[in-house]
Amino acid sequence: MTAPWRFGIDLGGTKIEIAAIDSAGAVRLRRRVPTPRDDYPGTLAAIAALVDDAERELGARGTVGVGIPGTISALTGRVKNANSTWLNNRPLREDLQAALGRELRIQNDANCLAVSEAADGAAAGAEVVFAAILGTGVGAGIAVGGRPLAGANGIAGEWGHVPLPAPRDDERPGPRCWCGRDGCIETWLSGPGLAADHLRRTGESLDAATLAMRAAAGEPAAAASLDRWLDRLARGLAMIIDVLDPDVVVLGGGLSNVETACAALPGRLAPLVFTDALRTRIVRSAHGDSSGVRGAAWLWGGSPRG
């Protein structure tokens, strides 16, 4: 018998969210709690409580899909590559299955974003979708035919941890990344990366949201920092388009709300991509910050894409 509810969990660095999706694909319940940072047992307990409370309120059990800021190692079965570093090397799947008493499906959170947007979002119907998360960290997911592409090593879409393409002299070797390398795309294009670049140039400490707001108001220093960020974003995405050639690039995460990003990117990308006419569409996620949790729920199938 098909479960009446599909529950999606978005395990983020600052919040954990649950959504319940019914058989028609409508979100019927959403809840979020702060993530117990650096507390693995607390993270497990928070997820279990969200599912228990949702099932009690809805009166039925459901399937559970989880989006995480990393992936499950095929070698060890444990989490790897998570910027929420307290999850790394932990048997998250097994521990959550024990806590919830059922099988789980786990995917990278950016893959969940890609699935959601390919199903019925900004990339609905597109065959190949690259969905980039530009937030506290930088990652991406790939959906092909509406299904997540994890890759042989479970790292498909991990563009945040490759070097910034075509670095200029003042961008070498680049900031040190939490992964131990220098100059990763994440250190330039994340919210903290944008703020750090502005601080290095101006000595002024501003968060990314304030920088974007001041740039929109025409403040020269903020506008210059945002322009450098857009230039680096274009270089990063041009590399992806050359390699993957997706039908659609979806921008998600907090920095996708920078109004000029989607409007300015096609013009910046066109001279960088190895083609005579850029046909890849650049769009913002249609479901906003609920896209990842919706995609996690769709890991059990039944989406508009099947």
C-alpha atoms as a PDB file:
ATOM      1  CA  MET A   1       0.000   0.000   0.000  1.00  0.00           C
ATOM      2  CA  THR A   2       1.327   3.434  -0.928  1.00  0.00           C
ATOM      3  CA  ALA A   3       2.044   5.657   2.055  1.00  0.00           C
ATOM      4  CA  PRO A   4      -0.354   8.621   2.156  1.00  0.00           C
ATOM      5  CA  TRP A   5       2.423  11.091   2.891  1.00  0.00           C
ATOM      6  CA  ARG A   6       5.883  11.745   1.566  1.00  0.00           C
ATOM      7  CA  PHE A   7       8.007  13.574   4.116  1.00  0.00           C
ATOM      8  CA  GLY A   8      11.002  15.587   3.000  1.00  0.00           C
ATOM      9  CA  ILE A   9      13.732  16.699   5.394  1.00  0.00           C
ATOM     10  CA  ASP A  10      16.162  19.483   4.505  1.00  0.00           C
ATOM     11  CA  LEU A  11      19.116  19.224   6.886  1.00  0.00           C
ATOM     12  CA  GLY A  12      20.792  22.613   6.606  1.00  0.00           C
ATOM     13  CA  GLY A  13      23.610  24.276   8.473  1.00  0.00           C
ATOM     14  CA  THR A  14      21.297  26.706  10.265  1.00  0.00           C
ATOM     15  CA  LYS A  15      17.864  25.058  10.117  1.00  0.00           C
ATOM     16  CA  ILE A  16      16.209  21.670   9.705  1.00  0.00           C
ATOM     17  CA  GLU A  17      12.928  21.703   7.823  1.00  0.00           C
ATOM     18  CA  ILE A  18      10.242  19.099   7.199  1.00  0.00           C
ATOM     19  CA  ALA A  19       7.517  19.175   4.570  1.00  0.00           C
ATOM     20  CA  ALA A  20       4.672  16.714   4.037  1.00  0.00           C
ATOM     21  CA  ILE A  21       3.520  16.215   0.457  1.00  0.00           C
ATOM     22  CA  ASP A  22       0.228  14.506  -0.348  1.00  0.00           C
ATOM     23  CA  SER A  23      -0.557  12.172  -3.249  1.00  0.00           C
ATOM     24  CA  ALA A  24      -1.465  15.140  -5.460  1.00  0.00           C
ATOM     25  CA  GLY A  25       1.914  16.790  -4.879  1.00  0.00           C
ATOM     26  CA  ALA A  26       0.672  19.573  -2.596  1.00  0.00           C
ATOM     27  CA  VAL A  27       2.638  20.618   0.481  1.00  0.00           C
ATOM     28  CA  ARG A  28       0.306  20.138   3.442  1.00  0.00           C
ATOM     29  CA  LEU A  29       2.659  20.797   6.340  1.00  0.00           C
ATOM     30  CA  ARG A  30       5.928  22.632   6.864  1.00  0.00           C
ATOM     31  CA  ARG A  31       7.916  23.033  10.061  1.00  0.00           C
ATOM     32  CA  ARG A  32      11.464  24.156  10.780  1.00  0.00           C
ATOM     33  CA  VAL A  33      13.724  24.210  13.809  1.00  0.00           C
ATOM     34  CA  PRO A  34      17.257  25.544  14.345  1.00  0.00           C
ATOM     35  CA  THR A  35      19.989  23.038  13.550  1.00  0.00           C
ATOM     36  CA  PRO A  36      21.880  21.900  16.674  1.00  0.00           C
ATOM     37  CA  ARG A  37      25.256  22.915  15.260  1.00  0.00           C
ATOM     38  CA  ASP A  38      28.235  20.720  16.137  1.00  0.00           C
ATOM     39  CA  ASP A  39      25.857  18.320  17.928  1.00  0.00           C
ATOM     40  CA  TYR A  40      25.345  15.041  16.063  1.00  0.00           C
ATOM     41  CA  PRO A  41      23.055  13.355  18.640  1.00  0.00           C
ATOM     42  CA  GLY A  42      21.049  16.580  18.881  1.00  0.00           C
ATOM     43  CA  THR A  43      20.688  16.652  15.082  1.00  0.00           C
ATOM     44  CA  LEU A  44      19.327  13.087  15.059  1.00  0.00           C
ATOM     45  CA  ALA A  45      16.891  13.905  17.860  1.00  0.00           C
ATOM     46  CA  ALA A  46      15.667  17.059  16.096  1.00  0.00           C
ATOM     47  CA  ILE A  47      14.913  15.165  12.868  1.00  0.00           C
ATOM     48  CA  ALA A  48      13.149  12.346  14.721  1.00  0.00           C
ATOM     49  CA  ALA A  49      11.019  14.847  16.638  1.00  0.00           C
ATOM     50  CA  LEU A  50      10.003  16.659  13.450  1.00  0.00           C
ATOM     51  CA  VAL A  51       8.854  13.400  11.823  1.00  0.00           C
ATOM     52  CA  ASP A  52       7.083  12.154  14.948  1.00  0.00           C
ATOM     53  CA  ASP A  53       5.233  15.442  15.424  1.00  0.00           C
ATOM     54  CA  ALA A  54       4.236  15.628  11.746  1.00  0.00           C
ATOM     55  CA  GLU A  55       2.875  12.083  11.724  1.00  0.00           C
ATOM     56  CA  ARG A  56       0.981  12.680  14.937  1.00  0.00           C
ATOM     57  CA  GLU A  57      -0.612  15.812  13.484  1.00  0.00           C
ATOM     58  CA  LEU A  58      -1.464  14.181  10.141  1.00  0.00           C
ATOM     59  CA  GLY A  59      -2.539  10.869  11.631  1.00  0.00           C
ATOM     60  CA  ALA A  60      -0.518   8.602   9.330  1.00  0.00           C
ATOM     61  CA  ARG A  61       3.005   7.400   8.651  1.00  0.00           C
ATOM     62  CA  GLY A  62       4.865   8.257   5.489  1.00  0.00           C
ATOM     63  CA  THR A  63       8.052   7.757   3.547  1.00  0.00           C
ATOM     64  CA  VAL A  64      11.028   9.936   4.470  1.00  0.00           C
ATOM     65  CA  GLY A  65      13.614  11.454   2.146  1.00  0.00           C
ATOM     66  CA  VAL A  66      16.491  13.526   3.503  1.00  0.00           C
ATOM     67  CA  GLY A  67      18.616  16.151   1.788  1.00  0.00           C
ATOM     68  CA  ILE A  68      22.035  16.644   3.374  1.00  0.00           C
ATOM     69  CA  PRO A  69      24.899  19.089   2.710  1.00  0.00           C
ATOM     70  CA  GLY A  70      27.210  16.304   1.622  1.00  0.00           C
ATOM     71  CA  THR A  71      26.832  12.737   0.397  1.00  0.00           C
ATOM     72  CA  ILE A  72      27.024   9.128   1.578  1.00  0.00           C
ATOM     73  CA  SER A  73      30.339   7.427   0.850  1.00  0.00           C
ATOM     74  CA  ALA A  74      29.999   4.240  -1.189  1.00  0.00           C
ATOM     75  CA  LEU A  75      33.147   2.997   0.559  1.00  0.00           C
ATOM     76  CA  THR A  76      32.158   3.514   4.202  1.00  0.00           C
ATOM     77  CA  GLY A  77      28.409   4.200   4.148  1.00  0.00           C
ATOM     78  CA  ARG A  78      29.112   7.324   6.180  1.00  0.00           C
ATOM     79  CA  VAL A  79      28.675  11.011   5.385  1.00  0.00           C
ATOM     80  CA  LYS A  80      31.481  12.717   3.496  1.00  0.00           C
ATOM     81  CA  ASN A  81      32.091  16.194   2.065  1.00  0.00           C
ATOM     82  CA  ALA A  82      29.574  17.958   4.343  1.00  0.00           C
ATOM     83  CA  ASN A  83      30.276  21.589   5.182  1.00  0.00           C
ATOM     84  CA  SER A  84      28.212  20.868   8.308  1.00  0.00           C
ATOM     85  CA  THR A  85      31.348  19.125   9.451  1.00  0.00           C
ATOM     86  CA  TRP A  86      29.867  17.409  12.527  1.00  0.00           C
ATOM     87  CA  LEU A  87      28.035  15.080  10.109  1.00  0.00           C
ATOM     88  CA  ASN A  88      31.196  13.839   8.412  1.00  0.00           C
ATOM     89  CA  ASN A  89      32.229  10.214   9.076  1.00  0.00           C
ATOM     90  CA  ARG A  90      28.919   9.524  10.808  1.00  0.00           C
ATOM     91  CA  PRO A  91      26.545   6.654   9.882  1.00  0.00           C
ATOM     92  CA  LEU A  92      23.678   9.074   9.391  1.00  0.00           C
ATOM     93  CA  ARG A  93      21.480   6.805   7.271  1.00  0.00           C
ATOM     94  CA  GLU A  94      21.661   3.909   9.729  1.00  0.00           C
ATOM     95  CA  ASP A  95      21.199   6.123  12.783  1.00  0.00           C
ATOM     96  CA  LEU A  96      18.151   7.872  11.331  1.00  0.00           C
ATOM     97  CA  GLN A  97      16.634   4.608  10.137  1.00  0.00           C
ATOM     98  CA  ALA A  98      16.990   3.249  13.663  1.00  0.00           C
ATOM     99  CA  ALA A  99      15.496   6.395  15.178  1.00  0.00           C
ATOM    100  CA  LEU A 100      12.513   6.450  12.781  1.00  0.00           C
ATOM    101  CA  GLY A 101      11.994   2.718  12.346  1.00  0.00           C
ATOM    102  CA  ARG A 102      11.918   2.723   8.546  1.00  0.00           C
ATOM    103  CA  GLU A 103      14.026   2.826   5.415  1.00  0.00           C
ATOM    104  CA  LEU A 104      15.228   6.264   4.322  1.00  0.00           C
ATOM    105  CA  ARG A 105      16.414   7.731   1.054  1.00  0.00           C
ATOM    106  CA  ILE A 106      19.212  10.284   1.356  1.00  0.00           C
ATOM    107  CA  GLN A 107      20.596  12.595  -1.316  1.00  0.00           C
ATOM    108  CA  ASN A 108      22.763  15.660  -1.500  1.00  0.00           C
ATOM    109  CA  ASP A 109      20.610  18.720  -0.772  1.00  0.00           C
ATOM    110  CA  ALA A 110      21.496  20.323  -4.103  1.00  0.00           C
ATOM    111  CA  ASN A 111      20.336  17.191  -5.927  1.00  0.00           C
ATOM    112  CA  CYS A 112      17.034  17.598  -4.087  1.00  0.00           C
ATOM    113  CA  LEU A 113      16.840  21.181  -5.338  1.00  0.00           C
ATOM    114  CA  ALA A 114      17.478  19.990  -8.897  1.00  0.00           C
ATOM    115  CA  VAL A 115      14.789  17.296  -8.671  1.00  0.00           C
ATOM    116  CA  SER A 116      12.213  19.711  -7.264  1.00  0.00           C
ATOM    117  CA  GLU A 117      12.813  22.372  -9.894  1.00  0.00           C
ATOM    118  CA  ALA A 118      12.899  19.818 -12.718  1.00  0.00           C
ATOM    119  CA  ALA A 119       9.652  18.271 -11.500  1.00  0.00           C
ATOM    120  CA  ASP A 120       7.382  21.307 -11.393  1.00  0.00           C
ATOM    121  CA  GLY A 121       9.548  24.342 -10.827  1.00  0.00           C
ATOM    122  CA  ALA A 122      11.603  26.779 -12.869  1.00  0.00           C
ATOM    123  CA  ALA A 123      13.112  23.948 -14.961  1.00  0.00           C
ATOM    124  CA  ALA A 124       9.914  21.896 -15.370  1.00  0.00           C
ATOM    125  CA  GLY A 125      10.212  19.516 -18.314  1.00  0.00           C
ATOM    126  CA  ALA A 126      13.905  20.178 -18.964  1.00  0.00           C
ATOM    127  CA  GLU A 127      16.002  17.101 -19.635  1.00  0.00           C
ATOM    128  CA  VAL A 128      19.288  18.234 -18.007  1.00  0.00           C
ATOM    129  CA  VAL A 129      19.210  20.632 -15.062  1.00  0.00           C
ATOM    130  CA  PHE A 130      22.136  22.065 -13.099  1.00  0.00           C
ATOM    131  CA  ALA A 131      20.901  23.539  -9.812  1.00  0.00           C
ATOM    132  CA  ALA A 132      23.399  25.685  -7.919  1.00  0.00           C
ATOM    133  CA  ILE A 133      23.080  26.546  -4.244  1.00  0.00           C
ATOM    134  CA  LEU A 134      24.626  29.930  -3.441  1.00  0.00           C
ATOM    135  CA  GLY A 135      24.346  30.370   0.295  1.00  0.00           C
ATOM    136  CA  THR A 136      26.429  29.690   3.385  1.00  0.00           C
ATOM    137  CA  GLY A 137      28.217  27.198   1.164  1.00  0.00           C
ATOM    138  CA  VAL A 138      28.247  26.562  -2.579  1.00  0.00           C
ATOM    139  CA  GLY A 139      27.147  23.294  -4.106  1.00  0.00           C
ATOM    140  CA  ALA A 140      25.078  22.032  -6.977  1.00  0.00           C
ATOM    141  CA  GLY A 141      22.915  19.146  -8.026  1.00  0.00           C
ATOM    142  CA  ILE A 142      22.155  17.618 -11.393  1.00  0.00           C
ATOM    143  CA  ALA A 143      18.848  16.158 -12.512  1.00  0.00           C
ATOM    144  CA  VAL A 144      18.525  14.173 -15.737  1.00  0.00           C
ATOM    145  CA  GLY A 145      15.022  13.288 -16.835  1.00  0.00           C
ATOM    146  CA  GLY A 146      13.743  14.517 -13.475  1.00  0.00           C
ATOM    147  CA  ARG A 147      15.932  12.134 -11.472  1.00  0.00           C
ATOM    148  CA  PRO A 148      19.030  12.963  -9.403  1.00  0.00           C
ATOM    149  CA  LEU A 149      22.428  12.188 -10.893  1.00  0.00           C
ATOM    150  CA  ALA A 150      24.723  11.225  -8.038  1.00  0.00           C
ATOM    151  CA  GLY A 151      27.668   9.959 -10.090  1.00  0.00           C
ATOM    152  CA  ALA A 152      30.055   7.050  -9.585  1.00  0.00           C
ATOM    153  CA  ASN A 153      31.614   8.698  -6.519  1.00  0.00           C
ATOM    154  CA  GLY A 154      28.466  10.394  -5.248  1.00  0.00           C
ATOM    155  CA  ILE A 155      29.919  13.833  -6.013  1.00  0.00           C
ATOM    156  CA  ALA A 156      28.215  14.917  -9.252  1.00  0.00           C
ATOM    157  CA  GLY A 157      27.718  18.672  -9.135  1.00  0.00           C
ATOM    158  CA  GLU A 158      30.365  19.409  -6.477  1.00  0.00           C
ATOM    159  CA  TRP A 159      31.579  22.516  -8.299  1.00  0.00           C
ATOM    160  CA  GLY A 160      32.054  24.359  -4.982  1.00  0.00           C
ATOM    161  CA  HIS A 161      35.303  22.471  -4.409  1.00  0.00           C
ATOM    162  CA  VAL A 162      37.043  23.008  -7.708  1.00  0.00           C
ATOM    163  CA  PRO A 163      39.298  26.053  -8.182  1.00  0.00           C
ATOM    164  CA  LEU A 164      37.856  29.292  -9.499  1.00  0.00           C
ATOM    165  CA  PRO A 165      38.372  29.188 -13.296  1.00  0.00           C
ATOM    166  CA  ALA A 166      40.749  31.640 -14.988  1.00  0.00           C
ATOM    167  CA  PRO A 167      41.986  33.213 -11.731  1.00  0.00           C
ATOM    168  CA  ARG A 168      43.489  36.655 -11.969  1.00  0.00           C
ATOM    169  CA  ASP A 169      46.769  37.553 -10.281  1.00  0.00           C
ATOM    170  CA  ASP A 170      45.004  39.012  -7.245  1.00  0.00           C
ATOM    171  CA  GLU A 171      42.895  35.828  -6.921  1.00  0.00           C
ATOM    172  CA  ARG A 172      45.859  33.453  -6.528  1.00  0.00           C
ATOM    173  CA  PRO A 173      46.176  31.249  -4.572  1.00  0.00           C
ATOM    174  CA  GLY A 174      42.781  32.218  -3.167  1.00  0.00           C
ATOM    175  CA  PRO A 175      41.296  31.927   0.322  1.00  0.00           C
ATOM    176  CA  ARG A 176      41.774  28.737   2.309  1.00  0.00           C
ATOM    177  CA  CYS A 177      38.667  26.521   2.173  1.00  0.00           C
ATOM    178  CA  TRP A 178      37.374  24.353   5.028  1.00  0.00           C
ATOM    179  CA  CYS A 179      38.196  21.351   2.810  1.00  0.00           C
ATOM    180  CA  GLY A 180      41.917  22.210   3.104  1.00  0.00           C
ATOM    181  CA  ARG A 181      42.424  23.567  -0.420  1.00  0.00           C
ATOM    182  CA  ASP A 182      42.968  27.125  -1.583  1.00  0.00           C
ATOM    183  CA  GLY A 183      40.785  29.094  -3.970  1.00  0.00           C
ATOM    184  CA  CYS A 184      37.735  26.807  -4.106  1.00  0.00           C
ATOM    185  CA  ILE A 185      34.712  28.315  -5.824  1.00  0.00           C
ATOM    186  CA  GLU A 186      32.904  28.153  -2.470  1.00  0.00           C
ATOM    187  CA  THR A 187      35.403  30.580  -0.916  1.00  0.00           C
ATOM    188  CA  TRP A 188      34.490  33.174  -3.569  1.00  0.00           C
ATOM    189  CA  LEU A 189      30.797  32.648  -4.311  1.00  0.00           C
ATOM    190  CA  SER A 190      29.279  31.797  -0.920  1.00  0.00           C
ATOM    191  CA  GLY A 191      27.725  34.486   1.248  1.00  0.00           C
ATOM    192  CA  PRO A 192      30.697  34.424   3.661  1.00  0.00           C
ATOM    193  CA  GLY A 193      33.020  34.457   0.620  1.00  0.00           C
ATOM    194  CA  LEU A 194      31.402  37.598  -0.778  1.00  0.00           C
ATOM    195  CA  ALA A 195      31.580  39.275   2.636  1.00  0.00           C
ATOM    196  CA  ALA A 196      35.244  38.282   3.076  1.00  0.00           C
ATOM    197  CA  ASP A 197      36.151  39.649  -0.369  1.00  0.00           C
ATOM    198  CA  HIS A 198      34.519  42.988   0.498  1.00  0.00           C
ATOM    199  CA  LEU A 199      36.350  43.079   3.840  1.00  0.00           C
ATOM    200  CA  ARG A 200      39.713  42.444   2.173  1.00  0.00           C
ATOM    201  CA  ARG A 201      39.116  45.222  -0.362  1.00  0.00           C
ATOM    202  CA  THR A 202      37.547  47.864   1.895  1.00  0.00           C
ATOM    203  CA  GLY A 203      38.203  46.931   5.516  1.00  0.00           C
ATOM    204  CA  GLU A 204      34.427  47.068   6.029  1.00  0.00           C
ATOM    205  CA  SER A 205      32.632  44.090   7.585  1.00  0.00           C
ATOM    206  CA  LEU A 206      29.189  43.567   6.005  1.00  0.00           C
ATOM    207  CA  ASP A 207      27.138  40.443   5.478  1.00  0.00           C
ATOM    208  CA  ALA A 208      26.133  39.412   1.954  1.00  0.00           C
ATOM    209  CA  ALA A 209      22.510  40.552   2.280  1.00  0.00           C
ATOM    210  CA  THR A 210      23.552  44.047   3.375  1.00  0.00           C
ATOM    211  CA  LEU A 211      26.127  44.215   0.595  1.00  0.00           C
ATOM    212  CA  ALA A 212      23.512  43.339  -2.034  1.00  0.00           C
ATOM    213  CA  MET A 213      21.110  45.920  -0.632  1.00  0.00           C
ATOM    214  CA  ARG A 214      23.765  48.658  -0.646  1.00  0.00           C
ATOM    215  CA  ALA A 215      24.873  47.706  -4.152  1.00  0.00           C
ATOM    216  CA  ALA A 216      21.278  48.003  -5.365  1.00  0.00           C
ATOM    217  CA  ALA A 217      21.167  51.479  -3.805  1.00  0.00           C
ATOM    218  CA  GLY A 218      24.235  52.482  -5.840  1.00  0.00           C
ATOM    219  CA  GLU A 219      26.904  52.517  -3.134  1.00  0.00           C
ATOM    220  CA  PRO A 220      30.185  52.296  -5.133  1.00  0.00           C
ATOM    221  CA  ALA A 221      32.209  49.983  -2.879  1.00  0.00           C
ATOM    222  CA  ALA A 222      29.340  47.531  -2.437  1.00  0.00           C
ATOM    223  CA  ALA A 223      28.532  47.662  -6.146  1.00  0.00           C
ATOM    224  CA  ALA A 224      32.171  46.881  -6.981  1.00  0.00           C
ATOM    225  CA  SER A 225      32.162  43.866  -4.636  1.00  0.00           C
ATOM    226  CA  LEU A 226      28.945  42.559  -6.163  1.00  0.00           C
ATOM    227  CA  ASP A 227      30.354  43.063  -9.661  1.00  0.00           C
ATOM    228  CA  ARG A 228      33.412  40.966  -8.776  1.00  0.00           C
ATOM    229  CA  TRP A 229      31.090  38.281  -7.372  1.00  0.00           C
ATOM    230  CA  LEU A 230      29.011  38.226 -10.575  1.00  0.00           C
ATOM    231  CA  ASP A 231      32.163  38.006 -12.696  1.00  0.00           C
ATOM    232  CA  ARG A 232      33.367  35.011 -10.695  1.00  0.00           C
ATOM    233  CA  LEU A 233      29.921  33.425 -10.831  1.00  0.00           C
ATOM    234  CA  ALA A 234      29.929  33.760 -14.619  1.00  0.00           C
ATOM    235  CA  ARG A 235      33.367  32.135 -14.850  1.00  0.00           C
ATOM    236  CA  GLY A 236      32.252  29.270 -12.626  1.00  0.00           C
ATOM    237  CA  LEU A 237      29.039  28.631 -14.540  1.00  0.00           C
ATOM    238  CA  ALA A 238      30.709  28.952 -17.953  1.00  0.00           C
ATOM    239  CA  MET A 239      32.943  26.019 -17.016  1.00  0.00           C
ATOM    240  CA  ILE A 240      29.882  23.978 -16.040  1.00  0.00           C
ATOM    241  CA  ILE A 241      28.025  24.794 -19.255  1.00  0.00           C
ATOM    242  CA  ASP A 242      31.068  23.847 -21.340  1.00  0.00           C
ATOM    243  CA  VAL A 243      31.279  20.453 -19.606  1.00  0.00           C
ATOM    244  CA  LEU A 244      27.630  19.530 -18.948  1.00  0.00           C
ATOM    245  CA  ASP A 245      25.750  21.698 -21.467  1.00  0.00           C
ATOM    246  CA  PRO A 246      22.531  21.757 -19.395  1.00  0.00           C
ATOM    247  CA  ASP A 247      19.187  22.945 -20.701  1.00  0.00           C
ATOM    248  CA  VAL A 248      18.657  25.049 -17.577  1.00  0.00           C
ATOM    249  CA  VAL A 249      20.788  26.422 -14.747  1.00  0.00           C
ATOM    250  CA  VAL A 250      18.704  27.038 -11.631  1.00  0.00           C
ATOM    251  CA  LEU A 251      20.044  29.366  -8.956  1.00  0.00           C
ATOM    252  CA  GLY A 252      19.008  28.644  -5.373  1.00  0.00           C
ATOM    253  CA  GLY A 253      20.160  29.666  -1.918  1.00  0.00           C
ATOM    254  CA  GLY A 254      20.136  33.083  -0.321  1.00  0.00           C
ATOM    255  CA  LEU A 255      22.372  34.773  -2.911  1.00  0.00           C
ATOM    256  CA  SER A 256      20.030  33.745  -5.718  1.00  0.00           C
ATOM    257  CA  ASN A 257      17.833  36.558  -4.421  1.00  0.00           C
ATOM    258  CA  VAL A 258      20.343  39.143  -5.677  1.00  0.00           C
ATOM    259  CA  GLU A 259      18.093  40.771  -8.260  1.00  0.00           C
ATOM    260  CA  THR A 260      20.820  41.483 -10.795  1.00  0.00           C
ATOM    261  CA  ALA A 261      22.214  37.943 -10.884  1.00  0.00           C
ATOM    262  CA  CYS A 262      19.782  36.212 -13.255  1.00  0.00           C
ATOM    263  CA  ALA A 263      19.354  39.327 -15.378  1.00  0.00           C
ATOM    264  CA  ALA A 264      23.087  39.975 -15.765  1.00  0.00           C
ATOM    265  CA  LEU A 265      24.427  36.432 -16.112  1.00  0.00           C
ATOM    266  CA  PRO A 266      23.440  35.586 -19.717  1.00  0.00           C
ATOM    267  CA  GLY A 267      25.308  38.625 -21.020  1.00  0.00           C
ATOM    268  CA  ARG A 268      28.353  37.814 -18.897  1.00  0.00           C
ATOM    269  CA  LEU A 269      28.261  34.119 -19.843  1.00  0.00           C
ATOM    270  CA  ALA A 270      27.870  34.504 -23.603  1.00  0.00           C
ATOM    271  CA  PRO A 271      31.507  35.457 -24.372  1.00  0.00           C
ATOM    272  CA  LEU A 272      32.851  32.808 -21.960  1.00  0.00           C
ATOM    273  CA  VAL A 273      30.991  29.710 -23.142  1.00  0.00           C
ATOM    274  CA  PHE A 274      32.415  27.731 -26.069  1.00  0.00           C
ATOM    275  CA  THR A 275      29.408  28.194 -28.375  1.00  0.00           C
ATOM    276  CA  ASP A 276      28.120  30.620 -30.987  1.00  0.00           C
ATOM    277  CA  ALA A 277      24.753  31.039 -29.251  1.00  0.00           C
ATOM    278  CA  LEU A 278      24.008  30.428 -25.581  1.00  0.00           C
ATOM    279  CA  ARG A 279      20.757  28.487 -25.301  1.00  0.00           C
ATOM    280  CA  THR A 280      21.038  27.459 -21.643  1.00  0.00           C
ATOM    281  CA  ARG A 281      18.428  29.297 -19.575  1.00  0.00           C
ATOM    282  CA  ILE A 282      19.482  30.915 -16.273  1.00  0.00           C
ATOM    283  CA  VAL A 283      16.581  31.041 -13.803  1.00  0.00           C
ATOM    284  CA  ARG A 284      15.908  31.462 -10.112  1.00  0.00           C
ATOM    285  CA  SER A 285      14.337  28.549  -8.244  1.00  0.00           C
ATOM    286  CA  ALA A 286      10.556  28.731  -8.434  1.00  0.00           C
ATOM    287  CA  HIS A 287      10.003  27.161  -5.022  1.00  0.00           C
ATOM    288  CA  GLY A 288      12.545  29.284  -3.171  1.00  0.00           C
ATOM    289  CA  ASP A 289      13.756  27.912   0.124  1.00  0.00           C
ATOM    290  CA  SER A 290      11.160  25.113   0.038  1.00  0.00           C
ATOM    291  CA  SER A 291      12.607  23.549  -3.107  1.00  0.00           C
ATOM    292  CA  GLY A 292      15.162  21.355  -1.348  1.00  0.00           C
ATOM    293  CA  VAL A 293      12.688  19.921   1.127  1.00  0.00           C
ATOM    294  CA  ARG A 294      10.203  19.220  -1.683  1.00  0.00           C
ATOM    295  CA  GLY A 295      12.893  17.440  -3.678  1.00  0.00           C
ATOM    296  CA  ALA A 296      13.772  15.301  -0.645  1.00  0.00           C
ATOM    297  CA  ALA A 297      10.156  14.169  -0.440  1.00  0.00           C
ATOM    298  CA  TRP A 298      10.181  13.318  -4.177  1.00  0.00           C
ATOM    299  CA  LEU A 299      13.083  10.909  -3.637  1.00  0.00           C
ATOM    300  CA  TRP A 300      10.370   8.291  -3.122  1.00  0.00           C
ATOM    301  CA  GLY A 301       8.869   8.991  -6.556  1.00  0.00           C
ATOM    302  CA  GLY A 302       5.417  10.183  -7.482  1.00  0.00           C
ATOM    303  CA  SER A 303       6.541  13.623  -8.659  1.00  0.00           C
ATOM    304  CA  PRO A 304       4.966  15.260 -11.719  1.00  0.00           C
ATOM    305  CA  ARG A 305       7.919  13.821 -13.696  1.00  0.00           C
ATOM    306  CA  GLY A 306       7.154  10.315 -12.394  1.00  0.00           C
END
